[in-house]
Amino acid sequence: MKVAIAGATGFVGQRLVQRLRQDNHSLVILTRELAHARSRFPSAEYPSLEIVPYTPKQSGDWQAKISGCDAVVNLAGAPIDRRWSPEWKHEIYESRQLTTRTLVEAIAKADEKPAVLVNASAIGYYGTSETETFDETSASGRDFLASVCEAWEQEASKVKECGTRLAILRLGIVLGNGGAISKMLMPFQMFAGGPIGSGQQWFSWVHIDDVVGLILAALTDDRYTGIYNATAPNPVRMSALCQTLGDVLNRPSWLPVPPFALELLLGEGAQVVLQGQQVLPRKTLETGFSYTYDSVKPALESIV
């Protein structure tokens, strides 16, 4: 296939590019930072890859590159693991809504339209809860991230008017060599690790290899249409996650991170971590997707 990817230099995007390269697909990388993308994907290692500078929030000549692609993967969006100032909340929102809008616009303009758009979303769609269980049929929450995800998905859904198949993947907390786990490792390595907040909040995780596997399935299997939770089938409480991480590292898990410390670091965004949510991938499993890592201990062992 010929696949266009927005967000290819991110945590999940880099692993996806590596996997698609192994399978000999041609790639079009849409990037705001040309030098950064070239350093991530040197031409000697990625001969079937075209790097295209683009303006994610604005229409432009770059949109012509979508014509002739078999598929588009949209992983673009500003990171949420930093302090949520009013300005950054605006960027979190627009970087998802407007980027998706311009990509769908590019598909609509294309003479040779892609057969499928695989668009990221997030389990933030459901809001937070220590008691409820969510699946793909659950209603949206009422907090900021829920509103972001709703706008994100609404823009993606417009691609169906072009006759392009749409698969939306609501990503959980992705575990891999980087991301959330990299931020948790240092305290444990210094014998000062422990649960964040009460420890009773749910942690709906997924291994990065399974995220990439689900994206590949959505690209190639016409059965994947609509919403899918990209989470492992066995979410855990934060205390269990940290205990398991300590066991894998052979380190204690004894020093809780108080809520105020996280609130100082992330501001309003701390509530996403402190409250959590239990999300199950019911539709993903019903479609027949097979997880490589369905339990958290093997997932952590593969990473650390």
C-alpha atoms as a PDB file:
ATOM      1  CA  MET A   1       0.000   0.000   0.000  1.00  0.00           C
ATOM      2  CA  LYS A   2       0.859   3.659  -0.188  1.00  0.00           C
ATOM      3  CA  VAL A   3       0.067   5.173   3.207  1.00  0.00           C
ATOM      4  CA  ALA A   4       0.084   8.839   4.248  1.00  0.00           C
ATOM      5  CA  ILE A   5       0.750   9.451   7.947  1.00  0.00           C
ATOM      6  CA  ALA A   6       0.250  12.591  10.024  1.00  0.00           C
ATOM      7  CA  GLY A   7       1.954  12.424  13.421  1.00  0.00           C
ATOM      8  CA  ALA A   8       4.613   9.974  12.229  1.00  0.00           C
ATOM      9  CA  THR A   9       7.392  11.391  14.421  1.00  0.00           C
ATOM     10  CA  GLY A  10       5.417  10.836  17.627  1.00  0.00           C
ATOM     11  CA  PHE A  11       5.666   7.924  20.043  1.00  0.00           C
ATOM     12  CA  VAL A  12       3.211   5.645  18.232  1.00  0.00           C
ATOM     13  CA  GLY A  13       3.939   7.062  14.789  1.00  0.00           C
ATOM     14  CA  GLN A  14       7.608   6.098  14.801  1.00  0.00           C
ATOM     15  CA  ARG A  15       6.824   2.489  15.664  1.00  0.00           C
ATOM     16  CA  LEU A  16       4.109   2.392  12.984  1.00  0.00           C
ATOM     17  CA  VAL A  17       6.534   3.689  10.328  1.00  0.00           C
ATOM     18  CA  GLN A  18       9.073   1.019  11.287  1.00  0.00           C
ATOM     19  CA  ARG A  19       6.471  -1.717  10.974  1.00  0.00           C
ATOM     20  CA  LEU A  20       5.084  -0.467   7.651  1.00  0.00           C
ATOM     21  CA  ARG A  21       8.636  -0.264   6.302  1.00  0.00           C
ATOM     22  CA  GLN A  22       9.252  -3.885   7.325  1.00  0.00           C
ATOM     23  CA  ASP A  23       6.171  -4.838   5.321  1.00  0.00           C
ATOM     24  CA  ASN A  24       7.478  -2.923   2.252  1.00  0.00           C
ATOM     25  CA  HIS A  25       4.740  -0.304   2.072  1.00  0.00           C
ATOM     26  CA  SER A  26       5.367   3.120   0.502  1.00  0.00           C
ATOM     27  CA  LEU A  27       4.962   5.994   2.952  1.00  0.00           C
ATOM     28  CA  VAL A  28       4.165   9.697   2.736  1.00  0.00           C
ATOM     29  CA  ILE A  29       5.110  11.448   5.975  1.00  0.00           C
ATOM     30  CA  LEU A  30       3.308  14.747   6.602  1.00  0.00           C
ATOM     31  CA  THR A  31       5.367  16.868   8.985  1.00  0.00           C
ATOM     32  CA  ARG A  32       5.582  20.390  10.365  1.00  0.00           C
ATOM     33  CA  GLU A  33       9.298  19.964  11.121  1.00  0.00           C
ATOM     34  CA  LEU A  34      11.163  18.781   8.043  1.00  0.00           C
ATOM     35  CA  ALA A  35      14.623  18.517   9.643  1.00  0.00           C
ATOM     36  CA  HIS A  36      13.250  16.568  12.608  1.00  0.00           C
ATOM     37  CA  ALA A  37      11.432  14.088  10.358  1.00  0.00           C
ATOM     38  CA  ARG A  38      14.522  13.595   8.188  1.00  0.00           C
ATOM     39  CA  SER A  39      16.616  12.849  11.261  1.00  0.00           C
ATOM     40  CA  ARG A  40      14.034  10.305  12.458  1.00  0.00           C
ATOM     41  CA  PHE A  41      13.686   8.644   9.068  1.00  0.00           C
ATOM     42  CA  PRO A  42      16.985   8.900   7.132  1.00  0.00           C
ATOM     43  CA  SER A  43      16.620   8.140   3.434  1.00  0.00           C
ATOM     44  CA  ALA A  44      19.252   5.390   3.540  1.00  0.00           C
ATOM     45  CA  GLU A  45      17.106   3.407   5.965  1.00  0.00           C
ATOM     46  CA  TYR A  46      13.721   4.413   4.535  1.00  0.00           C
ATOM     47  CA  PRO A  47      14.071   4.412   0.736  1.00  0.00           C
ATOM     48  CA  SER A  48      10.310   4.108   0.055  1.00  0.00           C
ATOM     49  CA  LEU A  49       9.402   7.131   2.148  1.00  0.00           C
ATOM     50  CA  GLU A  50       8.532  10.660   1.037  1.00  0.00           C
ATOM     51  CA  ILE A  51       8.672  13.451   3.604  1.00  0.00           C
ATOM     52  CA  VAL A  52       6.261  16.295   2.878  1.00  0.00           C
ATOM     53  CA  PRO A  53       6.166  19.590   4.828  1.00  0.00           C
ATOM     54  CA  TYR A  54       2.606  20.568   5.699  1.00  0.00           C
ATOM     55  CA  THR A  55       0.515  23.073   7.610  1.00  0.00           C
ATOM     56  CA  PRO A  56      -1.759  20.817   9.666  1.00  0.00           C
ATOM     57  CA  LYS A  57      -4.302  23.507  10.532  1.00  0.00           C
ATOM     58  CA  GLN A  58      -4.445  25.058   7.068  1.00  0.00           C
ATOM     59  CA  SER A  59      -5.229  23.963   3.549  1.00  0.00           C
ATOM     60  CA  GLY A  60      -2.293  23.995   1.132  1.00  0.00           C
ATOM     61  CA  ASP A  61      -0.449  22.403  -1.763  1.00  0.00           C
ATOM     62  CA  TRP A  62       0.517  19.515   0.510  1.00  0.00           C
ATOM     63  CA  GLN A  63      -3.045  18.208   0.280  1.00  0.00           C
ATOM     64  CA  ALA A  64      -2.396  17.045  -3.290  1.00  0.00           C
ATOM     65  CA  LYS A  65      -0.074  14.375  -1.895  1.00  0.00           C
ATOM     66  CA  ILE A  66      -3.090  12.492  -0.511  1.00  0.00           C
ATOM     67  CA  SER A  67      -4.360  11.696  -4.009  1.00  0.00           C
ATOM     68  CA  GLY A  68      -3.159   8.246  -5.025  1.00  0.00           C
ATOM     69  CA  CYS A  69      -2.599   7.052  -1.463  1.00  0.00           C
ATOM     70  CA  ASP A  70      -4.396   3.850  -0.513  1.00  0.00           C
ATOM     71  CA  ALA A  71      -4.789   4.886   3.123  1.00  0.00           C
ATOM     72  CA  VAL A  72      -4.324   7.762   5.574  1.00  0.00           C
ATOM     73  CA  VAL A  73      -3.388   7.422   9.248  1.00  0.00           C
ATOM     74  CA  ASN A  74      -3.934  10.454  11.476  1.00  0.00           C
ATOM     75  CA  LEU A  75      -2.027  10.377  14.772  1.00  0.00           C
ATOM     76  CA  ALA A  76      -1.420  14.124  15.021  1.00  0.00           C
ATOM     77  CA  GLY A  77      -2.135  16.122  18.159  1.00  0.00           C
ATOM     78  CA  ALA A  78      -0.383  18.242  20.773  1.00  0.00           C
ATOM     79  CA  PRO A  79       0.770  16.262  23.849  1.00  0.00           C
ATOM     80  CA  ILE A  80      -1.422  16.369  26.949  1.00  0.00           C
ATOM     81  CA  ASP A  81       1.311  15.443  29.470  1.00  0.00           C
ATOM     82  CA  ARG A  82       2.283  19.035  30.257  1.00  0.00           C
ATOM     83  CA  ARG A  83       0.695  21.840  32.225  1.00  0.00           C
ATOM     84  CA  TRP A  84      -2.669  22.855  30.813  1.00  0.00           C
ATOM     85  CA  SER A  85      -2.532  26.605  30.509  1.00  0.00           C
ATOM     86  CA  PRO A  86      -5.475  28.191  28.667  1.00  0.00           C
ATOM     87  CA  GLU A  87      -3.196  28.586  25.649  1.00  0.00           C
ATOM     88  CA  TRP A  88      -2.133  24.943  25.727  1.00  0.00           C
ATOM     89  CA  LYS A  89      -5.710  23.711  26.081  1.00  0.00           C
ATOM     90  CA  HIS A  90      -6.511  25.689  22.951  1.00  0.00           C
ATOM     91  CA  GLU A  91      -3.595  23.996  21.179  1.00  0.00           C
ATOM     92  CA  ILE A  92      -4.657  20.527  22.374  1.00  0.00           C
ATOM     93  CA  TYR A  93      -8.116  21.159  20.899  1.00  0.00           C
ATOM     94  CA  GLU A  94      -7.160  22.790  17.604  1.00  0.00           C
ATOM     95  CA  SER A  95      -4.227  20.474  16.855  1.00  0.00           C
ATOM     96  CA  ARG A  96      -6.714  17.607  16.690  1.00  0.00           C
ATOM     97  CA  GLN A  97      -9.829  19.217  15.285  1.00  0.00           C
ATOM     98  CA  LEU A  98      -8.251  21.345  12.557  1.00  0.00           C
ATOM     99  CA  THR A  99      -5.629  18.791  11.497  1.00  0.00           C
ATOM    100  CA  THR A 100      -8.361  16.203  10.999  1.00  0.00           C
ATOM    101  CA  ARG A 101     -10.440  18.765   9.099  1.00  0.00           C
ATOM    102  CA  THR A 102      -7.655  19.546   6.619  1.00  0.00           C
ATOM    103  CA  LEU A 103      -6.880  15.844   6.096  1.00  0.00           C
ATOM    104  CA  VAL A 104     -10.526  15.057   5.365  1.00  0.00           C
ATOM    105  CA  GLU A 105     -10.601  18.062   3.043  1.00  0.00           C
ATOM    106  CA  ALA A 106      -7.553  16.645   1.228  1.00  0.00           C
ATOM    107  CA  ILE A 107      -9.297  13.276   0.827  1.00  0.00           C
ATOM    108  CA  ALA A 108     -12.387  15.012  -0.556  1.00  0.00           C
ATOM    109  CA  LYS A 109     -10.254  16.892  -3.118  1.00  0.00           C
ATOM    110  CA  ALA A 110      -8.287  13.827  -4.208  1.00  0.00           C
ATOM    111  CA  ASP A 111      -8.800  12.491  -7.731  1.00  0.00           C
ATOM    112  CA  GLU A 112      -7.778   9.039  -6.483  1.00  0.00           C
ATOM    113  CA  LYS A 113      -9.258   8.832  -3.006  1.00  0.00           C
ATOM    114  CA  PRO A 114      -7.786   6.699  -0.214  1.00  0.00           C
ATOM    115  CA  ALA A 115      -9.868   3.654   0.631  1.00  0.00           C
ATOM    116  CA  VAL A 116      -9.557   4.134   4.399  1.00  0.00           C
ATOM    117  CA  LEU A 117      -8.814   6.736   7.061  1.00  0.00           C
ATOM    118  CA  VAL A 118      -7.569   5.408  10.395  1.00  0.00           C
ATOM    119  CA  ASN A 119      -7.991   8.271  12.839  1.00  0.00           C
ATOM    120  CA  ALA A 120      -6.749   8.372  16.412  1.00  0.00           C
ATOM    121  CA  SER A 121      -8.944   9.461  19.277  1.00  0.00           C
ATOM    122  CA  ALA A 122      -8.592   8.759  22.996  1.00  0.00           C
ATOM    123  CA  ILE A 123     -10.386   7.125  25.895  1.00  0.00           C
ATOM    124  CA  GLY A 124     -10.650  10.634  27.295  1.00  0.00           C
ATOM    125  CA  TYR A 125     -13.887  10.597  25.277  1.00  0.00           C
ATOM    126  CA  TYR A 126     -15.615   8.812  28.182  1.00  0.00           C
ATOM    127  CA  GLY A 127     -14.615  11.173  30.965  1.00  0.00           C
ATOM    128  CA  THR A 128     -13.196   9.855  34.255  1.00  0.00           C
ATOM    129  CA  SER A 129     -14.674   7.540  36.890  1.00  0.00           C
ATOM    130  CA  GLU A 130     -13.477   5.172  39.611  1.00  0.00           C
ATOM    131  CA  THR A 131     -16.680   3.097  39.469  1.00  0.00           C
ATOM    132  CA  GLU A 132     -18.050   2.995  35.917  1.00  0.00           C
ATOM    133  CA  THR A 133     -16.969   0.683  33.106  1.00  0.00           C
ATOM    134  CA  PHE A 134     -16.893   2.026  29.554  1.00  0.00           C
ATOM    135  CA  ASP A 135     -16.922   0.356  26.150  1.00  0.00           C
ATOM    136  CA  GLU A 136     -17.391   1.576  22.574  1.00  0.00           C
ATOM    137  CA  THR A 137     -21.135   2.073  23.112  1.00  0.00           C
ATOM    138  CA  SER A 138     -20.751   4.338  26.175  1.00  0.00           C
ATOM    139  CA  ALA A 139     -21.719   8.005  26.059  1.00  0.00           C
ATOM    140  CA  SER A 140     -19.160  10.787  26.078  1.00  0.00           C
ATOM    141  CA  GLY A 141     -18.070  12.534  29.249  1.00  0.00           C
ATOM    142  CA  ARG A 142     -18.498  16.192  30.098  1.00  0.00           C
ATOM    143  CA  ASP A 143     -14.943  17.341  30.761  1.00  0.00           C
ATOM    144  CA  PHE A 144     -12.413  19.084  28.535  1.00  0.00           C
ATOM    145  CA  LEU A 145     -10.831  15.968  27.032  1.00  0.00           C
ATOM    146  CA  ALA A 146     -14.237  14.535  26.231  1.00  0.00           C
ATOM    147  CA  SER A 147     -15.083  17.689  24.282  1.00  0.00           C
ATOM    148  CA  VAL A 148     -11.749  17.447  22.441  1.00  0.00           C
ATOM    149  CA  CYS A 149     -12.414  13.830  21.453  1.00  0.00           C
ATOM    150  CA  GLU A 150     -15.959  14.612  20.324  1.00  0.00           C
ATOM    151  CA  ALA A 151     -14.757  17.414  18.042  1.00  0.00           C
ATOM    152  CA  TRP A 152     -11.903  15.223  16.777  1.00  0.00           C
ATOM    153  CA  GLU A 153     -14.203  12.357  15.877  1.00  0.00           C
ATOM    154  CA  GLN A 154     -16.861  14.600  14.354  1.00  0.00           C
ATOM    155  CA  GLU A 155     -14.301  15.987  11.900  1.00  0.00           C
ATOM    156  CA  ALA A 156     -13.107  12.473  11.017  1.00  0.00           C
ATOM    157  CA  SER A 157     -16.672  11.228  10.453  1.00  0.00           C
ATOM    158  CA  LYS A 158     -17.099  13.655   7.547  1.00  0.00           C
ATOM    159  CA  VAL A 159     -14.754  11.478   5.465  1.00  0.00           C
ATOM    160  CA  LYS A 160     -17.569   8.965   5.031  1.00  0.00           C
ATOM    161  CA  GLU A 161     -19.220  11.449   2.651  1.00  0.00           C
ATOM    162  CA  CYS A 162     -16.284  10.782   0.298  1.00  0.00           C
ATOM    163  CA  GLY A 163     -16.931   7.043   0.285  1.00  0.00           C
ATOM    164  CA  THR A 164     -13.780   6.429   2.355  1.00  0.00           C
ATOM    165  CA  ARG A 165     -13.999   3.822   5.103  1.00  0.00           C
ATOM    166  CA  LEU A 166     -13.344   5.228   8.595  1.00  0.00           C
ATOM    167  CA  ALA A 167     -11.906   3.473  11.636  1.00  0.00           C
ATOM    168  CA  ILE A 168     -11.504   5.555  14.802  1.00  0.00           C
ATOM    169  CA  LEU A 169      -9.198   4.137  17.476  1.00  0.00           C
ATOM    170  CA  ARG A 170      -9.689   5.485  20.996  1.00  0.00           C
ATOM    171  CA  LEU A 171      -6.239   5.013  22.450  1.00  0.00           C
ATOM    172  CA  GLY A 172      -5.632   4.163  26.078  1.00  0.00           C
ATOM    173  CA  ILE A 173      -2.352   4.923  27.869  1.00  0.00           C
ATOM    174  CA  VAL A 174       0.260   3.487  25.529  1.00  0.00           C
ATOM    175  CA  LEU A 175       3.080   1.514  27.149  1.00  0.00           C
ATOM    176  CA  GLY A 176       6.370   1.270  25.320  1.00  0.00           C
ATOM    177  CA  ASN A 177       9.962   2.473  25.286  1.00  0.00           C
ATOM    178  CA  GLY A 178       8.960   6.049  25.964  1.00  0.00           C
ATOM    179  CA  GLY A 179       5.651   7.683  26.836  1.00  0.00           C
ATOM    180  CA  ALA A 180       4.076   7.245  30.268  1.00  0.00           C
ATOM    181  CA  ILE A 181       6.350   4.461  31.495  1.00  0.00           C
ATOM    182  CA  SER A 182       9.528   6.438  30.814  1.00  0.00           C
ATOM    183  CA  LYS A 183       8.263   9.109  33.218  1.00  0.00           C
ATOM    184  CA  MET A 184       7.546   6.508  35.915  1.00  0.00           C
ATOM    185  CA  LEU A 185      10.808   4.569  35.679  1.00  0.00           C
ATOM    186  CA  MET A 186      13.212   7.020  37.314  1.00  0.00           C
ATOM    187  CA  PRO A 187      11.570   7.112  40.774  1.00  0.00           C
ATOM    188  CA  PHE A 188      11.462   3.312  40.831  1.00  0.00           C
ATOM    189  CA  GLN A 189      15.085   3.042  39.774  1.00  0.00           C
ATOM    190  CA  MET A 190      15.939   5.353  42.678  1.00  0.00           C
ATOM    191  CA  PHE A 191      13.945   3.141  45.105  1.00  0.00           C
ATOM    192  CA  ALA A 192      11.340   5.899  45.468  1.00  0.00           C
ATOM    193  CA  GLY A 193       8.525   4.613  43.270  1.00  0.00           C
ATOM    194  CA  GLY A 194       4.900   4.235  44.208  1.00  0.00           C
ATOM    195  CA  PRO A 195       1.313   4.796  43.114  1.00  0.00           C
ATOM    196  CA  ILE A 196       0.087   8.178  41.953  1.00  0.00           C
ATOM    197  CA  GLY A 197      -2.702   9.684  44.041  1.00  0.00           C
ATOM    198  CA  SER A 198      -5.053   7.255  45.803  1.00  0.00           C
ATOM    199  CA  GLY A 199      -3.876   4.272  43.752  1.00  0.00           C
ATOM    200  CA  GLN A 200      -7.517   3.190  43.354  1.00  0.00           C
ATOM    201  CA  GLN A 201      -8.053   4.930  40.018  1.00  0.00           C
ATOM    202  CA  TRP A 202      -8.228   2.754  36.916  1.00  0.00           C
ATOM    203  CA  PHE A 203      -5.336   2.651  34.440  1.00  0.00           C
ATOM    204  CA  SER A 204      -6.541   1.579  30.987  1.00  0.00           C
ATOM    205  CA  TRP A 205      -3.333   0.703  29.191  1.00  0.00           C
ATOM    206  CA  VAL A 206      -2.256  -0.848  25.900  1.00  0.00           C
ATOM    207  CA  HIS A 207       1.139  -2.044  24.653  1.00  0.00           C
ATOM    208  CA  ILE A 208       2.501  -0.051  21.714  1.00  0.00           C
ATOM    209  CA  ASP A 209       2.886  -3.219  19.614  1.00  0.00           C
ATOM    210  CA  ASP A 210      -0.829  -3.879  19.976  1.00  0.00           C
ATOM    211  CA  VAL A 211      -1.672  -0.302  18.987  1.00  0.00           C
ATOM    212  CA  VAL A 212       0.400  -0.703  15.832  1.00  0.00           C
ATOM    213  CA  GLY A 213      -1.152  -4.119  15.212  1.00  0.00           C
ATOM    214  CA  LEU A 214      -4.635  -2.647  15.524  1.00  0.00           C
ATOM    215  CA  ILE A 215      -3.783   0.170  13.108  1.00  0.00           C
ATOM    216  CA  LEU A 216      -2.516  -2.391  10.579  1.00  0.00           C
ATOM    217  CA  ALA A 217      -5.677  -4.455  11.018  1.00  0.00           C
ATOM    218  CA  ALA A 218      -7.829  -1.362  10.450  1.00  0.00           C
ATOM    219  CA  LEU A 219      -5.828  -0.496   7.324  1.00  0.00           C
ATOM    220  CA  THR A 220      -6.195  -3.892   5.699  1.00  0.00           C
ATOM    221  CA  ASP A 221      -9.464  -5.400   6.971  1.00  0.00           C
ATOM    222  CA  ASP A 222     -12.708  -3.902   5.659  1.00  0.00           C
ATOM    223  CA  ARG A 223     -14.570  -5.132   8.744  1.00  0.00           C
ATOM    224  CA  TYR A 224     -12.993  -2.343  10.786  1.00  0.00           C
ATOM    225  CA  THR A 225     -15.527   0.455  10.522  1.00  0.00           C
ATOM    226  CA  GLY A 226     -16.505   2.888  13.258  1.00  0.00           C
ATOM    227  CA  ILE A 227     -15.215   3.150  16.831  1.00  0.00           C
ATOM    228  CA  TYR A 228     -12.705   0.793  18.487  1.00  0.00           C
ATOM    229  CA  ASN A 229     -11.121   1.048  21.920  1.00  0.00           C
ATOM    230  CA  ALA A 230      -7.371   0.595  21.589  1.00  0.00           C
ATOM    231  CA  THR A 231      -6.940  -0.641  25.151  1.00  0.00           C
ATOM    232  CA  ALA A 232      -5.851  -3.986  26.569  1.00  0.00           C
ATOM    233  CA  PRO A 233      -8.717  -6.218  27.777  1.00  0.00           C
ATOM    234  CA  ASN A 234      -7.434  -6.167  31.368  1.00  0.00           C
ATOM    235  CA  PRO A 235      -7.164  -2.640  32.810  1.00  0.00           C
ATOM    236  CA  VAL A 236      -5.640  -2.375  36.291  1.00  0.00           C
ATOM    237  CA  ARG A 237      -5.806  -0.068  39.290  1.00  0.00           C
ATOM    238  CA  MET A 238      -2.918   2.371  39.585  1.00  0.00           C
ATOM    239  CA  SER A 239      -1.672   0.621  42.755  1.00  0.00           C
ATOM    240  CA  ALA A 240      -1.539  -2.730  40.924  1.00  0.00           C
ATOM    241  CA  LEU A 241       0.285  -1.179  37.982  1.00  0.00           C
ATOM    242  CA  CYS A 242       2.939   0.335  40.240  1.00  0.00           C
ATOM    243  CA  GLN A 243       3.302  -2.841  42.289  1.00  0.00           C
ATOM    244  CA  THR A 244       3.817  -4.815  39.083  1.00  0.00           C
ATOM    245  CA  LEU A 245       6.305  -2.267  37.769  1.00  0.00           C
ATOM    246  CA  GLY A 246       8.231  -2.528  41.037  1.00  0.00           C
ATOM    247  CA  ASP A 247       8.242  -6.330  40.789  1.00  0.00           C
ATOM    248  CA  VAL A 248       9.504  -6.242  37.204  1.00  0.00           C
ATOM    249  CA  LEU A 249      12.272  -3.803  38.154  1.00  0.00           C
ATOM    250  CA  ASN A 250      12.974  -5.597  41.439  1.00  0.00           C
ATOM    251  CA  ARG A 251      12.316  -2.334  43.257  1.00  0.00           C
ATOM    252  CA  PRO A 252       9.853  -1.434  46.028  1.00  0.00           C
ATOM    253  CA  SER A 253       6.617   0.424  45.352  1.00  0.00           C
ATOM    254  CA  TRP A 254       6.163   2.252  48.620  1.00  0.00           C
ATOM    255  CA  LEU A 255       6.228   6.034  48.134  1.00  0.00           C
ATOM    256  CA  PRO A 256       2.928   7.412  46.811  1.00  0.00           C
ATOM    257  CA  VAL A 257       2.952  10.544  44.675  1.00  0.00           C
ATOM    258  CA  PRO A 258       0.565  12.984  46.419  1.00  0.00           C
ATOM    259  CA  PRO A 259      -2.141  14.544  44.268  1.00  0.00           C
ATOM    260  CA  PHE A 260      -0.915  18.106  44.854  1.00  0.00           C
ATOM    261  CA  ALA A 261       2.479  17.258  43.330  1.00  0.00           C
ATOM    262  CA  LEU A 262       0.867  16.147  40.088  1.00  0.00           C
ATOM    263  CA  GLU A 263      -1.451  19.145  40.124  1.00  0.00           C
ATOM    264  CA  LEU A 264       1.548  21.457  40.399  1.00  0.00           C
ATOM    265  CA  LEU A 265       3.087  19.742  37.386  1.00  0.00           C
ATOM    266  CA  LEU A 266       0.048  19.366  35.118  1.00  0.00           C
ATOM    267  CA  GLY A 267      -2.584  21.732  36.504  1.00  0.00           C
ATOM    268  CA  GLU A 268      -6.078  20.736  35.394  1.00  0.00           C
ATOM    269  CA  GLY A 269      -4.597  17.875  33.360  1.00  0.00           C
ATOM    270  CA  ALA A 270      -3.682  16.042  36.579  1.00  0.00           C
ATOM    271  CA  GLN A 271      -7.301  14.943  36.995  1.00  0.00           C
ATOM    272  CA  VAL A 272      -6.969  12.615  33.997  1.00  0.00           C
ATOM    273  CA  VAL A 273      -4.325  10.637  35.910  1.00  0.00           C
ATOM    274  CA  LEU A 274      -5.776  11.031  39.397  1.00  0.00           C
ATOM    275  CA  GLN A 275      -9.293   9.897  38.448  1.00  0.00           C
ATOM    276  CA  GLY A 276      -8.726   7.502  35.536  1.00  0.00           C
ATOM    277  CA  GLN A 277     -11.301   5.295  33.852  1.00  0.00           C
ATOM    278  CA  GLN A 278     -11.925   1.591  33.234  1.00  0.00           C
ATOM    279  CA  VAL A 279     -12.271   1.065  29.487  1.00  0.00           C
ATOM    280  CA  LEU A 280     -12.874  -2.306  27.821  1.00  0.00           C
ATOM    281  CA  PRO A 281     -12.268  -3.090  24.110  1.00  0.00           C
ATOM    282  CA  ARG A 282     -15.463  -5.075  23.550  1.00  0.00           C
ATOM    283  CA  LYS A 283     -15.926  -4.229  19.867  1.00  0.00           C
ATOM    284  CA  THR A 284     -12.201  -4.679  19.202  1.00  0.00           C
ATOM    285  CA  LEU A 285     -12.348  -8.207  20.605  1.00  0.00           C
ATOM    286  CA  GLU A 286     -15.608  -8.980  18.790  1.00  0.00           C
ATOM    287  CA  THR A 287     -13.958  -8.042  15.502  1.00  0.00           C
ATOM    288  CA  GLY A 288     -11.373 -10.736  16.195  1.00  0.00           C
ATOM    289  CA  PHE A 289      -8.291  -8.706  17.066  1.00  0.00           C
ATOM    290  CA  SER A 290      -5.748 -10.815  18.973  1.00  0.00           C
ATOM    291  CA  TYR A 291      -3.631  -9.018  21.590  1.00  0.00           C
ATOM    292  CA  THR A 292       0.044  -9.842  21.985  1.00  0.00           C
ATOM    293  CA  TYR A 293      -0.078  -8.347  25.484  1.00  0.00           C
ATOM    294  CA  ASP A 294      -3.400  -8.723  27.262  1.00  0.00           C
ATOM    295  CA  SER A 295      -1.943  -8.617  30.814  1.00  0.00           C
ATOM    296  CA  VAL A 296       0.146  -5.831  32.256  1.00  0.00           C
ATOM    297  CA  LYS A 297       3.072  -7.838  33.686  1.00  0.00           C
ATOM    298  CA  PRO A 298       4.232  -9.359  30.374  1.00  0.00           C
ATOM    299  CA  ALA A 299       3.742  -5.950  28.755  1.00  0.00           C
ATOM    300  CA  LEU A 300       5.983  -4.259  31.328  1.00  0.00           C
ATOM    301  CA  GLU A 301       8.557  -7.056  31.147  1.00  0.00           C
ATOM    302  CA  SER A 302       8.833  -6.586  27.394  1.00  0.00           C
ATOM    303  CA  ILE A 303       9.516  -2.885  27.877  1.00  0.00           C
ATOM    304  CA  VAL A 304      11.874  -2.647  30.861  1.00  0.00           C
END
